[in-house]
Amino acid sequence: MSIAQNLNNIKSSLPEQVTLVAVSKTKPVNDIMEAYNASHRIFGENKVQEMVEKYEEMPKDIQWHMIGHLQRNKVKYMAEFVSLIHGVDNFKLLREINKQAKKHNRVIDCLLQIKIASEDSKFGMRTDEASTILMSEDFSELNNVRIVGVMGMATFTKNNKQIRQEFNNLKSTFDKLKEIENDNCMMKTISMGMSGDYELAIECGSNMIRVGSSIFGARNYSI
């Protein structure tokens, strides 16, 4: 099937409250434009340079989501346009996002990345670390960022029981952090679930899924 058909098949099966982020990393502009022409506007990239290049070349009504691990020295390149940063895993990064957003007179929405997987390769903070940040005076002084939810990545395994437990842990973390509301924290988004497990993620409470290969096909990581 075509990219547009894949996209529409997935979107037609999603509950109304679930947002689909089409993960376009490594994919050429032509492929992304096929999804764009099928009326999709939310795309996710995991490398800042690649996202910047696509932003410059593509229509400006696209919402670009940074879904990969983010280094502080790269924030400045996307601060002008990024719609949502999924992977905020420490306070220093949050402070840098705030600094760069201020230069562009913007408030940048962010998700706190919570470590739910058993794999050491996955980034993220613990629930208590996230809570400490959100209740801190230092965080309250960041006027150019807004925490709107959490993000997590399950362990890469075929054990659905384990994946379900990890997703439930993220939903539980979200529920705890949602009780912390202030001017720059308004919890509404749970970003979890990818091509292989998004249906399970939705069952566990996800309202934002990140799907790439089921839309665009397998990726060629050699390019």
N, C-alpha and C. Protein backbone atom coordinates (compact mmCIF):
# COMPACT_ATOMS: atom_id res chain seq x y z
N MET A 1 0.84 -1.21 0.00
CA MET A 1 0.00 0.00 0.00
C MET A 1 0.87 1.25 0.00
N SER A 2 0.26 2.34 -0.40
CA SER A 2 0.99 3.61 -0.45
C SER A 2 1.11 4.19 0.95
N ILE A 3 1.96 5.20 1.08
CA ILE A 3 2.13 5.90 2.35
C ILE A 3 0.79 6.51 2.78
N ALA A 4 0.10 7.12 1.84
CA ALA A 4 -1.18 7.74 2.16
C ALA A 4 -2.20 6.71 2.64
N GLN A 5 -2.22 5.54 2.00
CA GLN A 5 -3.15 4.48 2.42
C GLN A 5 -2.80 3.96 3.81
N ASN A 6 -1.51 3.73 4.04
CA ASN A 6 -1.06 3.28 5.37
C ASN A 6 -1.49 4.28 6.45
N LEU A 7 -1.24 5.54 6.16
CA LEU A 7 -1.55 6.61 7.11
C LEU A 7 -3.05 6.65 7.41
N ASN A 8 -3.84 6.64 6.39
CA ASN A 8 -5.29 6.73 6.58
C ASN A 8 -5.86 5.49 7.27
N ASN A 9 -5.30 4.32 6.99
CA ASN A 9 -5.75 3.10 7.66
C ASN A 9 -5.50 3.18 9.16
N ILE A 10 -4.31 3.69 9.54
CA ILE A 10 -3.99 3.81 10.96
C ILE A 10 -4.88 4.87 11.62
N LYS A 11 -5.01 6.02 10.97
CA LYS A 11 -5.78 7.12 11.57
C LYS A 11 -7.25 6.74 11.74
N SER A 12 -7.77 5.97 10.80
CA SER A 12 -9.19 5.59 10.88
C SER A 12 -9.45 4.62 12.02
N SER A 13 -8.40 3.95 12.50
CA SER A 13 -8.56 2.97 13.58
C SER A 13 -8.31 3.57 14.96
N LEU A 14 -7.86 4.81 15.02
CA LEU A 14 -7.47 5.41 16.30
C LEU A 14 -8.66 6.05 17.01
N PRO A 15 -8.72 5.95 18.32
CA PRO A 15 -9.72 6.70 19.08
C PRO A 15 -9.54 8.20 18.84
N GLU A 16 -10.60 8.94 18.98
CA GLU A 16 -10.58 10.37 18.66
C GLU A 16 -9.54 11.14 19.45
N GLN A 17 -9.28 10.72 20.70
CA GLN A 17 -8.40 11.49 21.57
C GLN A 17 -6.91 11.22 21.34
N VAL A 18 -6.60 10.28 20.43
CA VAL A 18 -5.20 9.89 20.22
C VAL A 18 -4.58 10.67 19.06
N THR A 19 -3.45 11.32 19.33
CA THR A 19 -2.70 12.06 18.31
C THR A 19 -1.65 11.17 17.69
N LEU A 20 -1.58 11.17 16.38
CA LEU A 20 -0.58 10.37 15.66
C LEU A 20 0.59 11.25 15.22
N VAL A 21 1.78 10.89 15.70
CA VAL A 21 3.01 11.52 15.22
C VAL A 21 3.61 10.59 14.17
N ALA A 22 3.67 11.05 12.94
CA ALA A 22 4.26 10.24 11.87
C ALA A 22 5.78 10.40 11.93
N VAL A 23 6.46 9.33 12.27
CA VAL A 23 7.91 9.40 12.47
C VAL A 23 8.61 9.32 11.12
N SER A 24 9.14 10.47 10.72
CA SER A 24 9.67 10.61 9.36
C SER A 24 11.19 10.56 9.31
N LYS A 25 11.84 10.18 10.41
CA LYS A 25 13.31 10.15 10.44
C LYS A 25 13.85 9.24 9.35
N THR A 26 14.90 9.68 8.72
CA THR A 26 15.61 9.04 7.61
C THR A 26 14.82 9.02 6.30
N LYS A 27 13.59 9.51 6.33
CA LYS A 27 12.76 9.47 5.12
C LYS A 27 12.91 10.75 4.30
N PRO A 28 12.92 10.64 2.96
CA PRO A 28 13.09 11.82 2.12
C PRO A 28 11.84 12.70 2.12
N VAL A 29 12.03 13.94 1.71
CA VAL A 29 10.94 14.91 1.68
C VAL A 29 9.78 14.42 0.82
N ASN A 30 10.07 13.74 -0.29
CA ASN A 30 9.00 13.25 -1.16
C ASN A 30 8.04 12.33 -0.42
N ASP A 31 8.59 11.46 0.41
CA ASP A 31 7.75 10.55 1.19
C ASP A 31 6.91 11.31 2.21
N ILE A 32 7.54 12.27 2.86
CA ILE A 32 6.82 13.05 3.87
C ILE A 32 5.72 13.88 3.21
N MET A 33 6.01 14.39 2.01
CA MET A 33 5.00 15.18 1.30
C MET A 33 3.79 14.33 0.90
N GLU A 34 4.01 13.04 0.68
CA GLU A 34 2.86 12.17 0.38
C GLU A 34 1.93 12.10 1.59
N ALA A 35 2.52 12.02 2.78
CA ALA A 35 1.71 12.03 4.01
C ALA A 35 1.09 13.41 4.22
N TYR A 36 1.84 14.45 3.93
CA TYR A 36 1.33 15.82 4.05
C TYR A 36 0.13 16.03 3.13
N ASN A 37 0.24 15.55 1.90
CA ASN A 37 -0.84 15.71 0.93
C ASN A 37 -2.06 14.86 1.27
N ALA A 38 -1.87 13.91 2.19
CA ALA A 38 -3.00 13.14 2.73
C ALA A 38 -3.54 13.80 4.00
N SER A 39 -3.18 15.07 4.16
CA SER A 39 -3.71 15.94 5.24
C SER A 39 -3.09 15.70 6.61
N HIS A 40 -1.92 15.04 6.65
CA HIS A 40 -1.25 14.88 7.95
C HIS A 40 -0.27 16.03 8.16
N ARG A 41 -0.19 16.49 9.42
CA ARG A 41 0.61 17.68 9.70
C ARG A 41 1.60 17.51 10.85
N ILE A 42 1.63 16.37 11.51
CA ILE A 42 2.49 16.19 12.68
C ILE A 42 3.54 15.14 12.37
N PHE A 43 4.81 15.56 12.38
CA PHE A 43 5.90 14.66 12.03
C PHE A 43 6.98 14.67 13.10
N GLY A 44 7.61 13.51 13.31
CA GLY A 44 8.62 13.37 14.34
C GLY A 44 9.97 13.03 13.77
N GLU A 45 10.99 13.71 14.26
CA GLU A 45 12.37 13.47 13.85
C GLU A 45 13.22 13.22 15.09
N ASN A 46 14.31 12.46 14.93
CA ASN A 46 15.16 12.19 16.09
C ASN A 46 16.54 12.82 15.98
N LYS A 47 16.80 13.52 14.87
CA LYS A 47 18.07 14.25 14.72
C LYS A 47 17.76 15.70 14.35
N VAL A 48 18.35 16.61 15.10
CA VAL A 48 18.03 18.03 14.94
C VAL A 48 18.39 18.53 13.54
N GLN A 49 19.58 18.19 13.06
CA GLN A 49 20.02 18.68 11.75
C GLN A 49 19.06 18.24 10.64
N GLU A 50 18.64 16.99 10.69
CA GLU A 50 17.72 16.47 9.68
C GLU A 50 16.37 17.19 9.76
N MET A 51 15.92 17.46 10.97
CA MET A 51 14.65 18.15 11.14
C MET A 51 14.73 19.59 10.63
N VAL A 52 15.84 20.25 10.90
CA VAL A 52 16.02 21.63 10.44
C VAL A 52 16.00 21.69 8.91
N GLU A 53 16.70 20.75 8.28
CA GLU A 53 16.75 20.73 6.81
C GLU A 53 15.35 20.52 6.23
N LYS A 54 14.58 19.62 6.82
CA LYS A 54 13.22 19.37 6.33
C LYS A 54 12.30 20.55 6.62
N TYR A 55 12.47 21.17 7.77
CA TYR A 55 11.67 22.36 8.10
C TYR A 55 11.87 23.45 7.05
N GLU A 56 13.10 23.66 6.65
CA GLU A 56 13.41 24.72 5.69
C GLU A 56 12.84 24.43 4.31
N GLU A 57 12.71 23.16 3.98
CA GLU A 57 12.27 22.77 2.64
C GLU A 57 10.76 22.56 2.53
N MET A 58 10.10 22.33 3.64
CA MET A 58 8.71 21.89 3.59
C MET A 58 7.73 22.97 4.06
N PRO A 59 6.43 22.77 3.85
CA PRO A 59 5.42 23.76 4.23
C PRO A 59 5.50 24.11 5.72
N LYS A 60 5.17 25.36 6.02
CA LYS A 60 5.37 25.87 7.38
C LYS A 60 4.21 25.61 8.32
N ASP A 61 3.17 24.93 7.87
CA ASP A 61 2.08 24.58 8.80
C ASP A 61 2.29 23.21 9.43
N ILE A 62 3.47 22.62 9.19
CA ILE A 62 3.80 21.33 9.81
C ILE A 62 4.19 21.56 11.27
N GLN A 63 3.73 20.66 12.15
CA GLN A 63 4.19 20.64 13.53
C GLN A 63 5.32 19.62 13.63
N TRP A 64 6.51 20.11 13.96
CA TRP A 64 7.67 19.23 14.06
C TRP A 64 7.89 18.83 15.52
N HIS A 65 7.96 17.52 15.76
CA HIS A 65 8.22 16.99 17.09
C HIS A 65 9.63 16.41 17.13
N MET A 66 10.40 16.81 18.14
CA MET A 66 11.72 16.22 18.36
C MET A 66 11.54 15.02 19.28
N ILE A 67 11.72 13.81 18.75
CA ILE A 67 11.41 12.61 19.52
C ILE A 67 12.66 11.85 19.99
N GLY A 68 13.83 12.27 19.53
CA GLY A 68 15.05 11.55 19.89
C GLY A 68 15.74 12.15 21.10
N HIS A 69 16.84 11.52 21.50
CA HIS A 69 17.65 12.05 22.60
C HIS A 69 18.24 13.39 22.15
N LEU A 70 18.12 14.39 22.99
CA LEU A 70 18.49 15.75 22.61
C LEU A 70 19.67 16.24 23.44
N GLN A 71 20.71 16.71 22.74
CA GLN A 71 21.86 17.32 23.40
C GLN A 71 21.62 18.82 23.54
N ARG A 72 22.11 19.38 24.63
CA ARG A 72 21.85 20.79 24.92
C ARG A 72 22.38 21.71 23.83
N ASN A 73 23.53 21.37 23.25
CA ASN A 73 24.12 22.27 22.25
C ASN A 73 23.38 22.27 20.92
N LYS A 74 22.38 21.41 20.77
CA LYS A 74 21.61 21.36 19.52
C LYS A 74 20.26 22.11 19.63
N VAL A 75 19.88 22.48 20.83
CA VAL A 75 18.56 23.09 21.02
C VAL A 75 18.41 24.37 20.20
N LYS A 76 19.45 25.17 20.14
CA LYS A 76 19.38 26.48 19.49
C LYS A 76 18.98 26.39 18.02
N TYR A 77 19.28 25.28 17.37
CA TYR A 77 19.01 25.17 15.95
C TYR A 77 17.52 24.98 15.63
N MET A 78 16.76 24.50 16.59
CA MET A 78 15.35 24.22 16.33
C MET A 78 14.40 25.04 17.20
N ALA A 79 14.96 25.86 18.07
CA ALA A 79 14.13 26.60 19.04
C ALA A 79 13.13 27.53 18.37
N GLU A 80 13.43 27.95 17.16
CA GLU A 80 12.56 28.89 16.46
C GLU A 80 11.24 28.25 16.02
N PHE A 81 11.24 26.92 15.81
CA PHE A 81 10.06 26.33 15.17
C PHE A 81 9.53 25.05 15.80
N VAL A 82 10.31 24.34 16.60
CA VAL A 82 9.87 23.03 17.10
C VAL A 82 8.56 23.17 17.89
N SER A 83 7.64 22.23 17.67
CA SER A 83 6.32 22.29 18.33
C SER A 83 6.31 21.58 19.67
N LEU A 84 6.99 20.43 19.73
CA LEU A 84 6.99 19.64 20.97
C LEU A 84 8.29 18.85 21.05
N ILE A 85 8.92 18.91 22.22
CA ILE A 85 10.14 18.14 22.48
C ILE A 85 9.76 16.99 23.40
N HIS A 86 9.92 15.76 22.92
CA HIS A 86 9.45 14.59 23.67
C HIS A 86 10.44 14.14 24.74
N GLY A 87 11.72 14.29 24.51
CA GLY A 87 12.70 13.58 25.32
C GLY A 87 13.47 14.42 26.32
N VAL A 88 12.79 15.20 27.14
CA VAL A 88 13.50 15.99 28.16
C VAL A 88 13.77 15.08 29.36
N ASP A 89 15.05 14.77 29.58
CA ASP A 89 15.38 13.80 30.63
C ASP A 89 16.25 14.36 31.75
N ASN A 90 16.44 15.70 31.78
CA ASN A 90 17.17 16.30 32.90
C ASN A 90 16.89 17.81 32.94
N PHE A 91 17.14 18.39 34.09
CA PHE A 91 16.81 19.80 34.28
C PHE A 91 17.71 20.73 33.47
N LYS A 92 18.98 20.38 33.30
CA LYS A 92 19.89 21.23 32.53
C LYS A 92 19.38 21.41 31.10
N LEU A 93 18.85 20.34 30.52
CA LEU A 93 18.29 20.43 29.18
C LEU A 93 17.07 21.34 29.17
N LEU A 94 16.23 21.21 30.17
CA LEU A 94 15.05 22.05 30.27
C LEU A 94 15.43 23.53 30.36
N ARG A 95 16.45 23.80 31.13
CA ARG A 95 16.91 25.19 31.28
C ARG A 95 17.45 25.74 29.96
N GLU A 96 18.15 24.91 29.20
CA GLU A 96 18.67 25.34 27.90
C GLU A 96 17.53 25.58 26.91
N ILE A 97 16.52 24.73 26.92
CA ILE A 97 15.35 24.94 26.04
C ILE A 97 14.69 26.27 26.38
N ASN A 98 14.56 26.55 27.66
CA ASN A 98 13.98 27.81 28.11
C ASN A 98 14.80 29.00 27.61
N LYS A 99 16.10 28.90 27.72
CA LYS A 99 17.01 29.97 27.27
C LYS A 99 16.86 30.25 25.78
N GLN A 100 16.83 29.19 24.99
CA GLN A 100 16.74 29.37 23.54
C GLN A 100 15.34 29.81 23.11
N ALA A 101 14.32 29.32 23.80
CA ALA A 101 12.95 29.74 23.49
C ALA A 101 12.77 31.23 23.75
N LYS A 102 13.38 31.70 24.81
CA LYS A 102 13.28 33.13 25.17
C LYS A 102 13.83 34.02 24.08
N LYS A 103 14.90 33.58 23.42
CA LYS A 103 15.51 34.35 22.33
C LYS A 103 14.53 34.57 21.18
N HIS A 104 13.60 33.63 21.03
CA HIS A 104 12.62 33.72 19.94
C HIS A 104 11.24 34.13 20.45
N ASN A 105 11.19 34.56 21.70
CA ASN A 105 9.92 35.01 22.31
C ASN A 105 8.85 33.93 22.19
N ARG A 106 9.25 32.69 22.50
CA ARG A 106 8.34 31.55 22.40
C ARG A 106 8.23 30.83 23.73
N VAL A 107 7.18 30.06 23.88
CA VAL A 107 7.07 29.07 24.94
C VAL A 107 7.06 27.71 24.24
N ILE A 108 8.04 26.87 24.55
CA ILE A 108 8.15 25.58 23.89
C ILE A 108 7.57 24.49 24.80
N ASP A 109 6.64 23.72 24.24
CA ASP A 109 6.04 22.60 24.96
C ASP A 109 7.01 21.42 25.02
N CYS A 110 7.06 20.77 26.17
CA CYS A 110 7.98 19.66 26.38
C CYS A 110 7.29 18.52 27.12
N LEU A 111 7.81 17.31 26.89
CA LEU A 111 7.41 16.14 27.66
C LEU A 111 8.61 15.67 28.47
N LEU A 112 8.37 15.24 29.70
CA LEU A 112 9.43 14.65 30.50
C LEU A 112 9.56 13.18 30.12
N GLN A 113 10.76 12.77 29.76
CA GLN A 113 10.97 11.35 29.41
C GLN A 113 11.21 10.55 30.68
N ILE A 114 10.34 9.59 30.91
CA ILE A 114 10.41 8.74 32.08
C ILE A 114 10.98 7.38 31.67
N LYS A 115 11.93 6.90 32.42
CA LYS A 115 12.54 5.60 32.10
C LYS A 115 11.63 4.49 32.60
N ILE A 116 11.03 3.76 31.68
CA ILE A 116 10.15 2.65 32.05
C ILE A 116 10.70 1.32 31.59
N ALA A 117 11.68 1.32 30.67
CA ALA A 117 12.22 0.08 30.12
C ALA A 117 13.31 -0.49 31.02
N SER A 118 13.53 -1.78 30.89
CA SER A 118 14.59 -2.45 31.65
C SER A 118 15.96 -2.28 30.99
N GLU A 119 15.97 -1.83 29.74
CA GLU A 119 17.22 -1.71 28.99
C GLU A 119 18.01 -0.48 29.43
N ASP A 120 19.32 -0.65 29.61
CA ASP A 120 20.18 0.47 30.00
C ASP A 120 20.29 1.51 28.89
N SER A 121 20.04 1.10 27.65
CA SER A 121 20.21 2.01 26.51
C SER A 121 19.12 3.07 26.43
N LYS A 122 18.02 2.88 27.15
CA LYS A 122 16.91 3.84 27.12
C LYS A 122 17.17 4.97 28.10
N PHE A 123 16.92 6.20 27.64
CA PHE A 123 17.09 7.38 28.49
C PHE A 123 15.83 7.61 29.32
N GLY A 124 15.95 8.54 30.28
CA GLY A 124 14.77 8.92 31.03
C GLY A 124 15.07 9.11 32.51
N MET A 125 14.14 9.77 33.19
CA MET A 125 14.29 10.02 34.62
C MET A 125 13.28 9.18 35.40
N ARG A 126 13.52 9.08 36.70
CA ARG A 126 12.59 8.39 37.58
C ARG A 126 11.42 9.31 37.92
N THR A 127 10.34 8.72 38.39
CA THR A 127 9.16 9.50 38.75
C THR A 127 9.49 10.53 39.82
N ASP A 128 10.26 10.13 40.83
CA ASP A 128 10.58 11.07 41.92
C ASP A 128 11.46 12.21 41.42
N GLU A 129 12.34 11.94 40.45
CA GLU A 129 13.16 13.02 39.88
C GLU A 129 12.28 14.02 39.14
N ALA A 130 11.32 13.51 38.37
CA ALA A 130 10.40 14.39 37.64
C ALA A 130 9.59 15.24 38.60
N SER A 131 9.09 14.62 39.65
CA SER A 131 8.30 15.35 40.64
C SER A 131 9.11 16.44 41.31
N THR A 132 10.35 16.12 41.66
CA THR A 132 11.23 17.11 42.31
C THR A 132 11.46 18.31 41.41
N ILE A 133 11.68 18.06 40.12
CA ILE A 133 11.89 19.16 39.17
C ILE A 133 10.64 20.04 39.09
N LEU A 134 9.49 19.43 38.92
CA LEU A 134 8.26 20.20 38.71
C LEU A 134 7.87 21.02 39.93
N MET A 135 8.28 20.60 41.11
CA MET A 135 7.93 21.33 42.32
C MET A 135 9.02 22.28 42.79
N SER A 136 10.11 22.36 42.01
CA SER A 136 11.25 23.18 42.43
C SER A 136 11.06 24.65 42.08
N GLU A 137 11.70 25.50 42.87
CA GLU A 137 11.67 26.94 42.60
C GLU A 137 12.38 27.26 41.29
N ASP A 138 13.47 26.53 41.00
CA ASP A 138 14.20 26.76 39.75
C ASP A 138 13.31 26.54 38.54
N PHE A 139 12.49 25.50 38.58
CA PHE A 139 11.58 25.23 37.47
C PHE A 139 10.52 26.33 37.33
N SER A 140 10.03 26.81 38.44
CA SER A 140 8.98 27.83 38.41
C SER A 140 9.45 29.13 37.75
N GLU A 141 10.77 29.30 37.67
CA GLU A 141 11.33 30.51 37.07
C GLU A 141 11.54 30.38 35.56
N LEU A 142 11.26 29.20 35.01
CA LEU A 142 11.41 28.99 33.56
C LEU A 142 10.11 29.38 32.87
N ASN A 143 10.07 30.58 32.33
CA ASN A 143 8.83 31.12 31.75
C ASN A 143 8.65 30.79 30.28
N ASN A 144 9.64 30.17 29.65
CA ASN A 144 9.57 29.92 28.22
C ASN A 144 9.52 28.44 27.85
N VAL A 145 9.21 27.61 28.85
CA VAL A 145 8.93 26.20 28.60
C VAL A 145 7.64 25.84 29.31
N ARG A 146 6.98 24.81 28.80
CA ARG A 146 5.76 24.33 29.43
C ARG A 146 5.77 22.80 29.36
N ILE A 147 5.71 22.16 30.52
CA ILE A 147 5.64 20.71 30.56
C ILE A 147 4.18 20.30 30.36
N VAL A 148 3.93 19.56 29.29
CA VAL A 148 2.55 19.19 28.95
C VAL A 148 2.29 17.70 29.06
N GLY A 149 3.29 16.94 29.52
CA GLY A 149 3.06 15.51 29.66
C GLY A 149 4.33 14.72 29.84
N VAL A 150 4.21 13.42 29.58
CA VAL A 150 5.34 12.50 29.74
C VAL A 150 5.50 11.64 28.50
N MET A 151 6.69 11.11 28.34
CA MET A 151 7.00 10.21 27.24
C MET A 151 7.78 9.03 27.78
N GLY A 152 7.56 7.86 27.20
CA GLY A 152 8.33 6.69 27.61
C GLY A 152 8.46 5.69 26.48
N MET A 153 9.51 4.89 26.55
CA MET A 153 9.75 3.84 25.56
C MET A 153 9.85 2.51 26.27
N ALA A 154 9.03 1.56 25.85
CA ALA A 154 9.03 0.24 26.48
C ALA A 154 10.25 -0.57 26.05
N THR A 155 10.53 -1.59 26.79
CA THR A 155 11.62 -2.50 26.45
C THR A 155 11.35 -3.16 25.09
N PHE A 156 12.42 -3.33 24.31
CA PHE A 156 12.28 -3.99 23.01
C PHE A 156 12.19 -5.50 23.24
N THR A 157 10.97 -5.97 23.35
CA THR A 157 10.74 -7.38 23.65
C THR A 157 9.40 -7.82 23.06
N LYS A 158 9.23 -9.12 22.90
CA LYS A 158 7.95 -9.64 22.44
C LYS A 158 7.04 -10.03 23.61
N ASN A 159 7.52 -9.77 24.82
CA ASN A 159 6.76 -10.09 26.03
C ASN A 159 5.73 -9.00 26.30
N ASN A 160 4.50 -9.23 25.82
CA ASN A 160 3.46 -8.20 25.95
C ASN A 160 3.11 -7.91 27.41
N LYS A 161 3.26 -8.91 28.27
CA LYS A 161 2.98 -8.70 29.69
C LYS A 161 3.93 -7.66 30.27
N GLN A 162 5.21 -7.76 29.90
CA GLN A 162 6.20 -6.79 30.37
C GLN A 162 5.93 -5.41 29.79
N ILE A 163 5.63 -5.35 28.50
CA ILE A 163 5.35 -4.06 27.86
C ILE A 163 4.15 -3.39 28.50
N ARG A 164 3.10 -4.18 28.74
CA ARG A 164 1.90 -3.64 29.38
C ARG A 164 2.22 -3.06 30.76
N GLN A 165 3.05 -3.78 31.51
CA GLN A 165 3.43 -3.31 32.85
C GLN A 165 4.19 -1.99 32.76
N GLU A 166 5.07 -1.89 31.78
CA GLU A 166 5.86 -0.66 31.62
C GLU A 166 4.97 0.51 31.19
N PHE A 167 4.04 0.24 30.29
CA PHE A 167 3.10 1.29 29.89
C PHE A 167 2.22 1.71 31.08
N ASN A 168 1.77 0.75 31.86
CA ASN A 168 0.96 1.07 33.04
C ASN A 168 1.75 1.91 34.04
N ASN A 169 3.06 1.64 34.14
CA ASN A 169 3.91 2.43 35.02
C ASN A 169 3.98 3.89 34.56
N LEU A 170 4.05 4.08 33.24
CA LEU A 170 4.09 5.46 32.73
C LEU A 170 2.76 6.17 32.98
N LYS A 171 1.66 5.46 32.78
CA LYS A 171 0.34 6.06 33.06
C LYS A 171 0.23 6.43 34.53
N SER A 172 0.75 5.58 35.41
CA SER A 172 0.73 5.86 36.84
C SER A 172 1.57 7.09 37.17
N THR A 173 2.72 7.20 36.52
CA THR A 173 3.58 8.38 36.71
C THR A 173 2.86 9.64 36.25
N PHE A 174 2.22 9.55 35.10
CA PHE A 174 1.46 10.69 34.58
C PHE A 174 0.39 11.13 35.59
N ASP A 175 -0.34 10.17 36.13
CA ASP A 175 -1.41 10.49 37.08
C ASP A 175 -0.85 11.19 38.33
N LYS A 176 0.31 10.76 38.79
CA LYS A 176 0.93 11.39 39.96
C LYS A 176 1.38 12.81 39.64
N LEU A 177 2.03 12.98 38.49
CA LEU A 177 2.56 14.30 38.12
C LEU A 177 1.44 15.27 37.75
N LYS A 178 0.32 14.74 37.31
CA LYS A 178 -0.80 15.59 36.91
C LYS A 178 -1.33 16.40 38.09
N GLU A 179 -1.09 15.91 39.30
CA GLU A 179 -1.53 16.64 40.49
C GLU A 179 -0.71 17.91 40.71
N ILE A 180 0.46 17.98 40.05
CA ILE A 180 1.31 19.17 40.16
C ILE A 180 0.97 20.10 39.01
N GLU A 181 0.22 21.15 39.30
CA GLU A 181 -0.15 22.10 38.24
C GLU A 181 0.29 23.49 38.65
N ASN A 182 1.03 24.14 37.78
CA ASN A 182 1.41 25.53 37.98
C ASN A 182 1.46 26.21 36.62
N ASP A 183 1.99 27.41 36.56
CA ASP A 183 1.92 28.20 35.33
C ASP A 183 2.63 27.54 34.15
N ASN A 184 3.67 26.76 34.41
CA ASN A 184 4.40 26.14 33.29
C ASN A 184 4.36 24.62 33.33
N CYS A 185 3.32 24.07 33.95
CA CYS A 185 3.12 22.63 33.95
C CYS A 185 1.63 22.33 33.86
N MET A 186 1.22 21.78 32.71
CA MET A 186 -0.17 21.41 32.49
C MET A 186 -0.20 20.05 31.82
N MET A 187 -0.27 19.02 32.61
CA MET A 187 -0.16 17.65 32.11
C MET A 187 -1.41 17.22 31.34
N LYS A 188 -1.21 16.86 30.07
CA LYS A 188 -2.33 16.38 29.26
C LYS A 188 -1.92 15.26 28.29
N THR A 189 -0.61 15.08 28.07
CA THR A 189 -0.15 14.16 27.03
C THR A 189 0.64 12.99 27.60
N ILE A 190 0.29 11.78 27.15
CA ILE A 190 1.08 10.58 27.43
C ILE A 190 1.55 10.05 26.09
N SER A 191 2.81 10.25 25.79
CA SER A 191 3.38 9.81 24.51
C SER A 191 4.03 8.45 24.70
N MET A 192 3.32 7.41 24.30
CA MET A 192 3.90 6.06 24.35
C MET A 192 3.23 5.20 23.30
N GLY A 193 4.02 4.30 22.75
CA GLY A 193 3.52 3.41 21.71
C GLY A 193 4.11 3.75 20.36
N MET A 194 4.64 2.71 19.69
CA MET A 194 5.22 2.87 18.35
C MET A 194 4.59 1.83 17.42
N SER A 195 5.17 1.64 16.26
CA SER A 195 4.53 0.78 15.25
C SER A 195 4.15 -0.58 15.79
N GLY A 196 5.02 -1.19 16.61
CA GLY A 196 4.77 -2.56 17.05
C GLY A 196 3.89 -2.71 18.27
N ASP A 197 3.66 -1.60 18.99
CA ASP A 197 2.94 -1.75 20.26
C ASP A 197 1.94 -0.62 20.55
N TYR A 198 1.62 0.19 19.54
CA TYR A 198 0.78 1.35 19.84
C TYR A 198 -0.64 0.98 20.27
N GLU A 199 -1.15 -0.14 19.76
CA GLU A 199 -2.51 -0.54 20.16
C GLU A 199 -2.54 -0.89 21.65
N LEU A 200 -1.52 -1.58 22.11
CA LEU A 200 -1.41 -1.90 23.53
C LEU A 200 -1.22 -0.62 24.35
N ALA A 201 -0.41 0.30 23.82
CA ALA A 201 -0.18 1.57 24.52
C ALA A 201 -1.48 2.34 24.71
N ILE A 202 -2.31 2.36 23.69
CA ILE A 202 -3.59 3.06 23.78
C ILE A 202 -4.49 2.42 24.83
N GLU A 203 -4.48 1.09 24.88
CA GLU A 203 -5.23 0.38 25.92
C GLU A 203 -4.79 0.83 27.31
N CYS A 204 -3.50 1.14 27.44
CA CYS A 204 -2.93 1.51 28.74
C CYS A 204 -3.01 3.01 29.02
N GLY A 205 -3.62 3.77 28.12
CA GLY A 205 -3.84 5.18 28.40
C GLY A 205 -3.10 6.17 27.52
N SER A 206 -2.33 5.71 26.55
CA SER A 206 -1.62 6.64 25.68
C SER A 206 -2.60 7.49 24.87
N ASN A 207 -2.26 8.77 24.72
CA ASN A 207 -3.04 9.63 23.82
C ASN A 207 -2.17 10.30 22.77
N MET A 208 -0.93 9.81 22.64
CA MET A 208 -0.05 10.24 21.55
C MET A 208 0.86 9.08 21.19
N ILE A 209 0.83 8.65 19.93
CA ILE A 209 1.65 7.53 19.49
C ILE A 209 2.63 7.99 18.41
N ARG A 210 3.78 7.31 18.37
CA ARG A 210 4.84 7.67 17.43
C ARG A 210 5.03 6.51 16.46
N VAL A 211 4.55 6.66 15.24
CA VAL A 211 4.52 5.55 14.29
C VAL A 211 5.28 5.93 13.02
N GLY A 212 6.25 5.10 12.67
CA GLY A 212 7.05 5.37 11.48
C GLY A 212 6.97 4.30 10.43
N SER A 213 7.53 3.11 10.72
CA SER A 213 7.64 2.07 9.70
C SER A 213 6.29 1.58 9.20
N SER A 214 5.26 1.61 10.04
CA SER A 214 3.92 1.19 9.59
C SER A 214 3.31 2.18 8.61
N ILE A 215 3.87 3.37 8.55
CA ILE A 215 3.41 4.39 7.59
C ILE A 215 4.34 4.44 6.39
N PHE A 216 5.63 4.61 6.67
CA PHE A 216 6.60 4.88 5.61
C PHE A 216 7.35 3.64 5.11
N GLY A 217 7.19 2.51 5.78
CA GLY A 217 7.95 1.32 5.43
C GLY A 217 9.26 1.27 6.20
N ALA A 218 10.00 0.20 6.00
CA ALA A 218 11.27 0.00 6.72
C ALA A 218 12.24 1.11 6.40
N ARG A 219 13.08 1.43 7.39
CA ARG A 219 14.07 2.49 7.20
C ARG A 219 15.40 1.93 6.71
N ASN A 220 16.10 2.76 5.94
CA ASN A 220 17.44 2.43 5.52
C ASN A 220 18.41 3.24 6.35
N TYR A 221 19.01 2.63 7.37
CA TYR A 221 19.88 3.36 8.29
C TYR A 221 21.29 3.55 7.72
N SER A 222 21.56 3.04 6.53
CA SER A 222 22.89 3.18 5.94
C SER A 222 23.06 4.51 5.24
N ILE A 223 21.94 5.25 5.03
CA ILE A 223 22.06 6.51 4.30
C ILE A 223 22.43 7.63 5.24
